[in-house]
Protein backbone atom coordinates (compact mmCIF):
# COMPACT_ATOMS: atom_id res chain seq x y z
CA MET A 1 7.90 15.59 -10.27
CA SER A 2 10.45 14.60 -7.64
CA HIS A 3 13.79 13.11 -8.54
CA PRO A 4 13.87 9.27 -8.52
CA ARG A 5 16.70 9.20 -5.98
CA ALA A 6 14.67 11.40 -3.62
CA ARG A 7 11.61 9.15 -4.01
CA ALA A 8 13.72 6.06 -3.38
CA GLY A 9 15.20 7.67 -0.28
CA ALA A 10 11.73 8.54 0.97
CA LEU A 11 10.59 4.97 0.46
CA LEU A 12 13.59 3.60 2.35
CA ALA A 13 12.87 6.03 5.17
CA ALA A 14 9.25 4.88 5.22
CA MET A 15 10.41 1.26 5.38
CA SER A 16 12.56 2.13 8.39
CA LEU A 17 9.60 3.81 10.03
CA LEU A 18 7.44 0.75 9.47
CA SER A 19 10.12 -1.53 10.85
CA TYR A 20 10.94 0.33 14.04
CA ARG A 21 8.32 2.93 14.90
CA ASN A 22 5.15 1.98 13.09
CA ASN A 23 2.69 4.26 14.82
CA GLU A 24 -0.24 2.93 12.78
CA THR A 25 0.38 -0.69 13.80
CA LEU A 26 0.91 0.34 17.42
CA SER A 27 -2.33 2.33 17.30
CA LYS A 28 -4.22 -0.73 16.05
CA HIS A 29 -2.81 -2.83 18.89
CA MET A 30 -3.76 -0.19 21.45
CA ARG A 31 -7.30 0.12 20.08
CA GLN A 32 -7.75 -3.64 20.19
CA LEU A 33 -6.49 -3.67 23.78
CA VAL A 34 -8.99 -0.93 24.66
CA GLN A 35 -11.81 -2.97 23.10
CA LEU A 36 -10.71 -6.05 25.01
CA ARG A 37 -10.62 -4.03 28.25
CA TRP A 38 -14.23 -2.89 27.70
CA LEU A 39 -15.20 -6.53 27.30
CA ALA A 40 -13.33 -7.30 30.52
CA VAL A 41 -15.19 -4.52 32.38
CA LEU A 42 -18.59 -5.78 31.22
CA GLY A 43 -17.63 -9.40 31.83
CA GLN A 44 -16.43 -8.68 35.37
CA LEU A 45 -19.54 -6.66 36.19
CA PHE A 46 -21.79 -9.45 34.92
CA THR A 47 -19.83 -12.11 36.82
CA ILE A 48 -19.85 -10.13 40.08
CA LEU A 49 -23.60 -9.53 39.93
CA VAL A 50 -24.46 -13.13 39.00
CA THR A 51 -22.15 -14.57 41.64
CA HIS A 52 -23.48 -12.31 44.38
CA PHE A 53 -27.19 -12.34 43.65
CA SER A 54 -27.79 -15.66 41.85
CA LEU A 55 -25.24 -17.96 43.47
CA GLY A 56 -25.54 -16.41 46.90
CA VAL A 57 -21.80 -15.77 47.31
CA ASP A 58 -21.23 -12.80 49.60
CA LEU A 59 -18.94 -10.35 47.76
CA PRO A 60 -17.77 -6.85 48.78
CA LEU A 61 -19.76 -5.22 45.99
CA ALA A 62 -18.81 -1.63 46.80
CA LYS A 63 -15.07 -2.28 46.73
CA MET A 64 -15.16 -4.54 43.67
CA CYS A 65 -17.36 -2.12 41.72
CA GLY A 66 -15.02 0.71 42.78
CA VAL A 67 -12.02 -1.14 41.30
CA LEU A 68 -14.07 -1.80 38.16
CA ALA A 69 -15.04 1.89 37.93
CA GLY A 70 -11.37 2.85 38.16
CA LEU A 71 -10.51 0.49 35.29
CA ALA A 72 -13.39 1.85 33.21
CA ALA A 73 -12.28 5.45 33.85
CA TYR A 74 -8.70 4.61 32.86
CA ASN A 75 -9.92 2.94 29.66
CA LEU A 76 -12.22 5.85 28.80
CA VAL A 77 -9.46 8.42 29.19
CA TYR A 78 -7.14 6.26 27.12
CA GLU A 79 -9.70 5.80 24.34
CA ILE A 80 -10.30 9.55 24.16
CA SER A 81 -6.56 10.14 23.86
CA LEU A 82 -6.41 7.63 21.01
CA ARG A 83 -9.24 9.39 19.20
CA LEU A 84 -7.38 12.68 19.52
CA GLY A 85 -4.54 11.11 17.51
CA ARG A 86 -1.71 11.76 19.93
CA GLU A 87 1.70 10.18 19.46
CA LEU A 88 1.96 6.66 20.88
CA TYR A 89 4.89 4.85 22.45
CA ALA A 90 5.55 1.13 22.59
CA GLY A 91 5.97 1.23 26.38
CA GLU A 92 2.30 2.13 26.74
CA LEU A 93 1.35 -1.45 25.92
CA PHE A 94 3.42 -2.64 28.85
CA VAL A 95 1.88 -0.06 31.19
CA GLY A 96 -1.63 -0.94 30.00
CA LEU A 97 -1.16 -4.64 30.65
CA LEU A 98 0.34 -3.84 34.05
CA VAL A 99 -2.81 -1.87 34.92
CA ASP A 100 -4.97 -4.80 33.81
CA MET A 101 -2.88 -7.24 35.87
CA PHE A 102 -3.02 -5.13 39.04
CA THR A 103 -6.77 -4.64 38.56
CA LEU A 104 -7.25 -8.41 38.24
CA THR A 105 -5.11 -8.93 41.35
CA ALA A 106 -7.22 -6.44 43.34
CA GLN A 107 -10.45 -8.14 42.24
CA LEU A 108 -9.11 -11.59 43.12
CA TYR A 109 -7.94 -10.31 46.52
CA LEU A 110 -11.49 -9.14 47.23
CA SER A 111 -13.08 -12.38 46.02
CA GLY A 112 -11.18 -15.37 47.37
CA GLY A 113 -7.57 -14.96 46.27
CA VAL A 114 -6.08 -17.97 44.49
CA SER A 115 -9.17 -20.01 45.35
CA ASN A 116 -11.14 -17.89 42.89
CA PRO A 117 -11.43 -19.92 39.65
CA PHE A 118 -10.85 -16.76 37.61
CA ALA A 119 -7.22 -16.65 38.76
CA PHE A 120 -6.46 -18.39 35.47
CA LEU A 121 -7.02 -15.03 33.71
CA TYR A 122 -3.36 -14.31 34.47
CA VAL A 123 -2.60 -16.73 31.62
CA LEU A 124 -4.63 -14.54 29.22
CA GLN A 125 -2.71 -11.41 30.15
CA VAL A 126 0.69 -13.09 29.85
CA GLY A 127 -0.37 -14.57 26.49
CA LEU A 128 -1.30 -11.10 25.21
CA ALA A 129 2.05 -9.77 26.39
CA ALA A 130 3.85 -12.54 24.50
CA VAL A 131 2.01 -11.62 21.29
CA LEU A 132 2.21 -7.84 21.57
CA MET A 133 5.61 -7.11 23.05
CA VAL A 134 9.26 -8.01 22.78
CA ALA A 135 10.50 -10.98 24.83
CA PRO A 136 12.10 -9.03 27.73
CA LEU A 137 8.88 -7.13 28.49
CA ALA A 138 6.75 -10.25 28.05
CA TRP A 139 8.97 -12.16 30.51
CA THR A 140 8.74 -9.22 32.92
CA LEU A 141 4.95 -9.39 32.88
CA ALA A 142 5.12 -13.16 33.37
CA GLY A 143 7.26 -12.54 36.44
CA VAL A 144 4.80 -9.91 37.72
CA ALA A 145 1.93 -12.38 37.25
CA ALA A 146 3.82 -15.02 39.25
CA VAL A 147 4.54 -12.54 42.06
CA CYS A 148 0.89 -11.45 42.17
CA PHE A 149 -0.27 -15.06 42.33
CA LEU A 150 2.12 -15.86 45.19
CA TRP A 151 1.06 -12.69 47.04
CA LEU A 152 -2.60 -13.71 46.73
CA ALA A 153 -1.72 -17.16 48.05
CA GLU A 154 -0.27 -15.53 51.16
CA VAL A 155 -2.81 -12.81 51.89
CA GLY A 156 -5.99 -14.01 50.17
CA HIS A 157 -8.90 -15.57 52.05
CA PRO A 158 -11.28 -18.11 50.50
CA LEU A 159 -14.91 -17.03 50.22
CA ALA A 160 -17.25 -18.72 52.64
CA GLY A 161 -19.97 -19.10 50.02
CA LEU A 162 -17.71 -20.71 47.44
CA PRO A 163 -16.86 -24.23 48.68
CA LEU A 164 -14.17 -26.29 46.90
CA ASP A 165 -16.69 -28.99 45.98
CA TYR A 166 -14.77 -30.65 43.13
CA HIS A 167 -16.41 -34.03 43.86
CA LEU A 168 -19.74 -32.76 42.48
CA GLY A 169 -18.33 -32.62 38.95
CA VAL A 170 -20.23 -30.26 36.64
CA ASP A 171 -22.69 -29.55 39.46
CA SER A 172 -19.89 -27.91 41.42
CA VAL A 173 -20.09 -24.12 41.50
CA TYR A 174 -16.30 -23.98 41.58
CA VAL A 175 -15.97 -26.26 38.54
CA GLN A 176 -18.56 -24.19 36.70
CA GLY A 177 -16.54 -21.06 37.45
CA MET A 178 -13.38 -22.72 36.20
CA PHE A 179 -15.17 -23.83 33.05
CA ILE A 180 -16.40 -20.29 32.36
CA CYS A 181 -12.88 -18.96 32.96
CA VAL A 182 -11.29 -21.47 30.58
CA VAL A 183 -13.87 -20.84 27.84
CA LEU A 184 -13.57 -17.08 28.26
CA THR A 185 -9.77 -17.16 28.19
CA ALA A 186 -9.67 -19.41 25.12
CA ALA A 187 -12.26 -17.31 23.23
CA LEU A 188 -10.53 -14.01 23.97
CA LEU A 189 -7.13 -15.44 23.01
CA VAL A 190 -8.45 -16.75 19.70
CA ILE A 191 -10.21 -13.48 18.85
CA PHE A 192 -7.42 -11.17 19.94
CA VAL A 193 -4.50 -13.22 18.59
CA ASN A 194 -6.25 -13.53 15.22
CA ARG A 195 -6.66 -9.76 15.08
CA ILE A 196 -3.04 -9.20 16.04
CA THR A 197 -1.90 -11.73 13.44
CA ARG A 198 -3.99 -10.00 10.77
CA THR A 199 -2.49 -6.64 11.72
CA HIS A 200 1.02 -8.11 11.48
CA ARG A 201 0.23 -9.60 8.07
CA GLU A 202 -1.02 -6.22 6.83
CA HIS A 203 2.13 -4.58 8.20
CA ASP A 204 4.36 -7.17 6.51
CA ALA A 205 2.47 -6.73 3.24
CA ARG A 206 2.96 -2.94 3.36
CA LEU A 207 6.63 -3.40 4.17
CA ALA A 208 7.07 -5.85 1.26
CA ASP A 209 5.30 -3.39 -1.05
CA LEU A 210 7.60 -0.57 0.07
CA ARG A 211 10.64 -2.75 -0.50
CA GLN A 212 9.38 -3.62 -3.98
CA ARG A 213 8.76 0.03 -4.74
CA ALA A 214 12.21 1.00 -3.49
CA ALA A 215 13.79 -1.64 -5.72
CA GLU A 216 11.76 -0.45 -8.70
CA GLU A 217 12.58 3.18 -8.00
CA GLU A 218 16.27 2.30 -7.89
CA HIS A 219 15.89 0.39 -11.16
CA ILE A 220 14.14 3.36 -12.78
CA LEU A 221 16.84 5.68 -11.42
CA ARG A 222 19.55 3.60 -13.09
CA MET A 223 17.63 3.54 -16.36
CA GLY A 224 17.03 7.29 -16.11
CA LEU A 225 20.72 7.98 -15.61
CA LEU A 226 21.62 5.75 -18.56
CA ALA A 227 18.94 7.36 -20.75
CA SER A 228 20.01 10.86 -19.74
CA GLY A 229 23.66 10.06 -20.49
CA ALA A 230 22.76 8.53 -23.85
CA ALA A 231 20.62 11.57 -24.70
CA HIS A 232 23.53 13.90 -24.01
CA GLU A 233 25.84 11.78 -26.13
CA LEU A 234 23.35 11.61 -29.02
CA GLY A 235 22.66 15.33 -29.08
CA THR A 236 25.91 16.30 -30.83
CA PRO A 237 25.92 13.66 -33.63
CA LEU A 238 22.23 14.34 -34.36
CA ALA A 239 22.92 18.05 -34.67
CA THR A 240 25.85 17.29 -36.98
CA ILE A 241 23.71 15.00 -39.16
CA ASP A 242 21.00 17.66 -39.33
CA VAL A 243 23.52 20.27 -40.51
CA ILE A 244 25.01 17.92 -43.13
CA LEU A 245 21.56 16.99 -44.48
CA GLY A 246 20.70 20.69 -44.74
CA ASP A 247 23.88 21.25 -46.77
CA TRP A 248 23.17 18.22 -48.98
CA ARG A 249 19.67 19.49 -49.72
CA HIS A 250 21.21 22.53 -51.47
CA MET A 251 23.72 20.54 -53.50
CA PRO A 252 22.86 20.31 -57.22
CA VAL A 253 22.96 16.49 -57.31
CA PHE A 254 20.22 16.29 -54.64
CA ARG A 255 18.32 19.43 -55.69
CA ASP A 256 17.93 18.20 -59.26
CA SER A 257 16.72 14.71 -58.26
CA VAL A 258 13.16 14.49 -56.96
CA ASP A 259 13.72 11.05 -55.42
CA LEU A 260 16.94 12.03 -53.70
CA GLY A 261 15.32 15.26 -52.51
CA ASP A 262 12.43 13.28 -51.01
CA ASP A 263 14.90 10.93 -49.33
CA ILE A 264 16.77 13.88 -47.83
CA GLY A 265 13.48 15.33 -46.59
CA GLU A 266 12.49 12.01 -44.99
CA MET A 267 15.89 11.73 -43.34
CA GLN A 268 15.57 15.27 -41.96
CA THR A 269 12.11 14.40 -40.61
CA GLN A 270 13.46 11.33 -38.83
CA VAL A 271 16.43 13.26 -37.44
CA LYS A 272 14.03 15.90 -36.16
CA ARG A 273 12.01 13.17 -34.47
CA CYS A 274 15.18 11.74 -32.88
CA LYS A 275 16.03 15.18 -31.53
CA GLU A 276 12.52 15.50 -30.08
CA ILE A 277 12.93 12.11 -28.41
CA VAL A 278 16.27 13.22 -26.95
CA SER A 279 14.66 16.44 -25.67
CA GLY A 280 11.84 14.40 -24.14
CA ILE A 281 14.34 12.16 -22.33
CA LEU A 282 16.21 15.15 -20.95
CA MET A 283 12.94 16.81 -19.93
CA SER A 284 11.84 13.69 -18.06
CA ALA A 285 15.24 13.61 -16.35
CA GLY A 286 14.77 17.18 -15.14
CA GLU A 287 17.21 18.67 -17.64
CA THR A 288 14.75 20.48 -19.87
CA ARG A 289 16.15 22.75 -22.56
CA GLY A 290 13.77 25.61 -21.90
CA GLU A 291 10.57 23.67 -22.58
CA VAL A 292 7.89 23.94 -19.88
CA SER A 293 4.52 22.31 -19.39
CA VAL A 294 1.74 24.28 -21.05
CA GLU A 295 -1.96 24.16 -20.47
CA THR A 296 -4.06 22.18 -22.91
CA THR A 297 -7.22 20.08 -22.78
CA VAL A 298 -7.80 16.36 -22.74
CA CYS A 299 -9.28 16.26 -26.24
CA GLU A 300 -6.64 18.57 -27.70
CA PHE A 301 -3.85 16.60 -26.04
CA PHE A 302 -4.99 13.29 -27.50
CA ASP A 303 -5.80 14.74 -30.93
CA GLU A 304 -2.25 16.09 -31.22
CA LEU A 305 -0.77 12.89 -29.84
CA VAL A 306 -2.65 10.70 -32.33
CA ASP A 307 -1.75 12.97 -35.28
CA GLU A 308 1.93 12.93 -34.33
CA TRP A 309 1.96 9.18 -33.72
CA ARG A 310 0.30 8.45 -37.07
CA SER A 311 2.77 10.64 -38.92
CA THR A 312 5.81 8.89 -37.44
CA ARG A 313 4.70 5.22 -37.37
CA ASN A 314 3.98 2.79 -40.12
CA SER A 315 0.52 1.75 -38.99
CA ARG A 316 -2.13 0.78 -41.51
CA GLU A 317 -4.95 1.59 -39.13
CA LEU A 318 -5.23 3.32 -35.79
CA ARG A 319 -8.82 3.78 -34.71
CA PHE A 320 -9.13 6.67 -32.29
CA ASP A 321 -12.41 6.86 -30.37
CA ASN A 322 -12.78 9.92 -28.15
CA GLN A 323 -15.64 9.33 -25.71
CA PHE A 324 -14.40 11.74 -23.06
CA GLY A 325 -17.32 14.15 -23.31
CA GLU A 326 -17.04 17.68 -21.92
CA ASP A 327 -13.43 18.81 -22.25
CA VAL A 328 -11.21 19.47 -19.23
CA ASP A 329 -8.04 21.58 -18.92
CA ILE A 330 -4.88 19.60 -18.14
CA ALA A 331 -1.11 20.03 -18.45
CA SER A 332 0.60 18.91 -21.64
CA ASP A 333 2.77 16.40 -19.84
CA SER A 334 5.61 14.66 -21.70
CA VAL A 335 5.53 11.70 -19.31
CA LEU A 336 1.86 10.98 -20.07
CA LYS A 337 2.52 11.45 -23.78
CA GLN A 338 5.42 8.99 -23.75
CA THR A 339 3.35 6.55 -21.72
CA VAL A 340 0.46 6.50 -24.20
CA CYS A 341 2.86 6.29 -27.15
CA ASN A 342 4.57 3.38 -25.42
CA LEU A 343 1.24 1.55 -25.19
CA LEU A 344 0.51 2.26 -28.86
CA ASP A 345 3.99 1.10 -29.91
CA ASN A 346 3.58 -2.17 -28.01
CA ALA A 347 0.18 -2.72 -29.61
CA LEU A 348 1.64 -1.92 -33.06
CA GLU A 349 4.34 -4.56 -32.63
CA ALA A 350 1.74 -7.15 -31.69
CA SER A 351 -0.84 -6.11 -34.30
CA PRO A 352 0.53 -4.10 -37.28
CA GLN A 353 -2.80 -4.29 -39.12
CA TRP A 354 -5.12 -2.75 -36.52
CA ILE A 355 -5.00 -1.06 -33.12
CA ALA A 356 -7.52 1.09 -31.28
CA LEU A 357 -7.20 3.91 -28.76
CA THR A 358 -10.23 4.86 -26.67
CA VAL A 359 -10.41 7.79 -24.27
CA GLN A 360 -13.27 7.89 -21.76
CA ARG A 361 -14.26 9.61 -18.56
CA ASP A 362 -15.66 8.08 -15.38
CA ALA A 363 -16.52 10.86 -12.93
CA ASP A 364 -13.10 12.41 -12.09
CA THR A 365 -11.09 9.64 -13.72
CA LEU A 366 -9.52 9.56 -17.18
CA ILE A 367 -9.68 6.11 -18.79
CA ILE A 368 -7.22 5.29 -21.60
CA ALA A 369 -7.69 1.93 -23.33
CA VAL A 370 -5.51 0.47 -26.09
CA ARG A 371 -6.65 -2.70 -27.92
CA ASP A 372 -5.06 -4.81 -30.62
CA HIS A 373 -5.72 -7.97 -32.67
CA GLY A 374 -2.41 -9.61 -31.76
CA PRO A 375 -1.78 -12.95 -30.04
CA GLY A 376 -2.43 -11.53 -26.56
CA PHE A 377 -0.31 -11.91 -23.46
CA ALA A 378 1.36 -15.23 -22.79
CA ALA A 379 0.39 -16.80 -19.46
CA GLU A 380 3.86 -16.44 -17.93
CA VAL A 381 4.05 -12.77 -18.94
CA TYR A 382 0.47 -11.96 -17.88
CA GLN A 383 1.10 -13.18 -14.35
CA ARG A 384 4.11 -10.86 -13.93
CA LEU A 385 2.89 -7.70 -15.66
CA GLY A 386 4.40 -4.57 -14.18
CA GLN A 387 7.75 -6.22 -13.51
CA PRO A 388 10.81 -5.38 -15.65
CA TYR A 389 11.95 -7.58 -18.52
CA GLN A 390 8.68 -9.50 -18.77
CA SER A 391 8.39 -9.95 -22.54
CA THR A 392 8.03 -12.62 -25.20
CA LYS A 393 9.97 -10.64 -27.79
CA GLY A 394 13.20 -12.44 -27.02
CA ARG A 395 15.37 -9.33 -27.30
CA PRO A 396 17.83 -8.15 -24.65
CA GLY A 397 16.35 -5.27 -22.67
CA SER A 398 12.81 -5.83 -23.92
CA GLY A 399 9.88 -5.87 -21.54
CA LEU A 400 10.54 -2.45 -19.99
CA GLY A 401 7.63 -0.70 -21.70
CA LEU A 402 4.79 -1.97 -19.53
CA PHE A 403 7.04 -1.78 -16.47
CA LEU A 404 7.48 1.95 -17.03
CA VAL A 405 3.77 2.40 -17.81
CA PHE A 406 2.89 0.60 -14.58
CA ASN A 407 5.14 2.87 -12.53
CA VAL A 408 3.91 6.06 -14.25
CA ALA A 409 0.33 5.04 -13.42
CA ARG A 410 1.30 4.45 -9.80
CA MET A 411 3.20 7.74 -9.65
CA LEU A 412 0.10 9.62 -10.86
CA GLY A 413 -2.15 7.78 -8.41
CA GLY A 414 -3.79 5.70 -11.11
CA VAL A 415 -4.32 2.05 -11.93
CA PHE A 416 -2.89 -0.06 -14.74
CA ALA A 417 -4.71 -3.18 -15.93
CA ALA A 418 -4.38 -5.59 -18.85
CA ARG A 419 -6.40 -8.52 -20.16
CA ASN A 420 -6.67 -10.86 -23.11
CA LEU A 421 -9.87 -10.41 -25.12
CA ASP A 422 -12.24 -13.30 -25.80
CA GLU A 423 -12.37 -12.41 -29.50
CA GLY A 424 -8.56 -12.35 -29.69
CA GLY A 425 -5.98 -9.72 -29.01
CA ALA A 426 -5.35 -7.81 -25.82
CA GLU A 427 -6.41 -4.65 -24.05
CA VAL A 428 -4.41 -2.48 -21.68
CA MET A 429 -6.11 0.22 -19.65
CA LEU A 430 -4.95 3.20 -17.65
CA ARG A 431 -7.23 4.85 -15.09
CA LEU A 432 -5.76 8.20 -14.02
CA PRO A 433 -7.26 10.83 -11.68
CA LEU A 434 -7.80 14.06 -13.56
CA ASP A 435 -6.50 16.02 -10.56
CA ALA A 436 -3.03 14.53 -11.18
CA LEU A 437 -3.01 15.93 -14.74
CA VAL A 438 -3.97 19.51 -13.94
CA LEU A 439 -1.25 22.10 -14.52
CA LYS A 440 0.25 23.05 -11.16
CA GLU A 441 1.15 26.73 -10.81
CA ASP A 442 4.20 27.73 -8.78
């Protein structure tokens, strides 16, 4: 298990990567641009053929199809490079849109210049630049579009078969071309901008999740440092108490009294438990006193856990239902043990009369469910489960139990869930991959 500070540092580094060089987001943008370019190739081919053969407009088919073939070849090579997973750079978006703009300019030059109704497609390309790129690059492309338009106005020649017959209204071939251009531009902008917006929302959600995790990791780090310091401080007085109780046990006044002897024995048992708790805290903090993880099985692990928990808690009834089935070897992990005991302790506080622990298996997943007959989760607590200090106990520092359980589940790649039962009480459930519990050999 990595140190909390290292995990927090890794999360902060990941946040920085998402903020400044998010290759995944850039890759999504590039793939969407490639898809849009394929649509542009097909759309241009269809428009050229319909205009030439159906509307009788004489177009230089060989040259226009040659430009279109060049764009298709560029897009094919680019798509193959994306599939190979190479490293991407933000400047490639700018270059790609430049290629599209020069291709559009070449096609317009061959088909009427600025008199071609599809000259409005410059607006689409500048709009995409505004959505995809930073302002300086977007303004640069806007300037390039303006220069291309002015160049076409100077060197372009209207097509003889495409009269500017605006007075015919919707019967005008030119007006029909403009209508198709406007509809096409609007549709592509809506589709593409919606995809880009969705990608940005997903990116922002991941970034917010990383920030939340970093804050929680920092919180856990502080608690771990406090717990480790407290464990060190408690070690000496507990050892002193244990020695004194051992001496008292041999004194005549305690040896001759059965009740006092039993009290001394109970005190020694509780001191021993406190020392085990201290050792567990130090082990979780990476300061183990010689103890190492040993191999056990799921059924053996939970049998020992339940026996120990019953012997140290004042619970009238703990129903343990082992439905795991065929046993599986795992590591005897103190973190998992403390997590399950934490769930049982919370259930015991809510329902001293009855709690239940069920262990099941779903394919390669271990399912741990704890139920009680208590009052259930209050609405305000239920909505914020997994966050620190969400508790109805009204004590300072309470509400950390489920927060720690939630983070242990996430650390092991599992899922934590809780619900109020219809018949009363509550149920909390841990779903953990068995692979995360297998003993790792160095």
